[in-house]
Amino acid sequence: MKNIKLLLLLPFIGVLLFLPAVNRVEPYVLGLPFLLFWIVFWMVLSSVILMIVYRLDPDNKGSDVE
C-alpha cells in the first residue's frame, strides 16, 4: 500500500506515451475512431484510478472536516 500513488503514472503513460502508437482512424470502436476511443477510455480509467488511490491512500484516513 505504500506505493499506491504510483498508479497515478498509468494515465500519463497511457495517454502521452502511447498516443503516437494509436494515432489512426481505423478500426472503429463503439462508433468512434480508434484515437478518440483511446482518449475517452483513458479519461474514464483516470477517474477510476483516482478513486482507487483516494480510497487506499492512508493519508486520507481520519479527516477533521466538520
Protein backbone atom coordinates (compact mmCIF):
# COMPACT_ATOMS: atom_id res chain seq x y z
CA MET A 1 0.00 0.00 0.00
CA LYS A 2 2.99 2.27 0.34
CA ASN A 3 3.41 2.73 -3.40
CA ILE A 4 -0.27 3.16 -4.25
CA LYS A 5 0.43 6.61 -5.69
CA LEU A 6 2.45 5.01 -8.47
CA LEU A 7 -0.91 4.13 -10.05
CA LEU A 8 -1.18 7.81 -10.95
CA LEU A 9 1.51 7.29 -13.58
CA LEU A 10 -0.70 4.94 -15.61
CA PRO A 11 -2.85 7.67 -17.26
CA PHE A 12 0.27 9.65 -18.08
CA ILE A 13 1.86 6.64 -19.73
CA GLY A 14 -1.34 5.55 -21.45
CA VAL A 15 -2.19 8.89 -22.98
CA LEU A 16 1.06 10.67 -23.65
CA LEU A 17 3.49 7.87 -24.39
CA PHE A 18 1.19 5.54 -26.36
CA LEU A 19 -0.68 8.26 -28.25
CA PRO A 20 1.67 8.22 -31.27
CA ALA A 21 1.31 4.42 -31.48
CA VAL A 22 -2.50 4.54 -31.58
CA ASN A 23 -2.81 7.55 -33.87
CA ARG A 24 -5.06 6.01 -36.51
CA VAL A 25 -8.66 6.22 -37.62
CA GLU A 26 -9.34 2.55 -38.30
CA PRO A 27 -10.69 0.44 -36.60
CA TYR A 28 -13.85 1.99 -35.26
CA VAL A 29 -14.64 1.09 -31.64
CA LEU A 30 -18.17 1.78 -30.42
CA GLY A 31 -18.66 4.01 -33.47
CA LEU A 32 -15.65 6.18 -32.62
CA PRO A 33 -12.36 6.39 -34.47
CA PHE A 34 -9.73 4.49 -32.53
CA LEU A 35 -7.80 7.58 -31.42
CA LEU A 36 -10.91 9.23 -29.99
CA PHE A 37 -11.90 5.99 -28.28
CA TRP A 38 -8.40 5.74 -26.77
CA ILE A 39 -8.60 9.24 -25.30
CA VAL A 40 -12.11 8.73 -23.89
CA PHE A 41 -11.11 5.33 -22.48
CA TRP A 42 -8.19 6.87 -20.59
CA MET A 43 -10.35 9.73 -19.29
CA VAL A 44 -12.74 7.23 -17.73
CA LEU A 45 -9.92 5.00 -16.50
CA SER A 46 -8.15 8.00 -14.97
CA SER A 47 -11.22 8.75 -12.88
CA VAL A 48 -11.33 5.16 -11.68
CA ILE A 49 -7.62 5.21 -10.83
CA LEU A 50 -8.01 8.47 -8.90
CA MET A 51 -10.88 6.97 -6.91
CA ILE A 52 -8.81 3.87 -6.08
CA VAL A 53 -5.83 5.95 -4.97
CA TYR A 54 -8.07 8.19 -2.85
CA ARG A 55 -9.69 5.24 -1.10
CA LEU A 56 -6.48 3.30 -0.50
CA ASP A 57 -4.21 6.21 0.43
CA PRO A 58 -3.52 6.14 4.17
CA ASP A 59 -3.18 9.95 4.22
CA ASN A 60 -6.94 10.25 3.61
CA LYS A 61 -7.95 8.35 6.73
CA GLY A 62 -9.46 10.34 9.59
CA SER A 63 -10.13 13.82 8.28
CA ASP A 64 -11.11 16.63 10.65
CA VAL A 65 -13.82 18.10 8.46
CA GLU A 66 -16.85 19.22 10.45
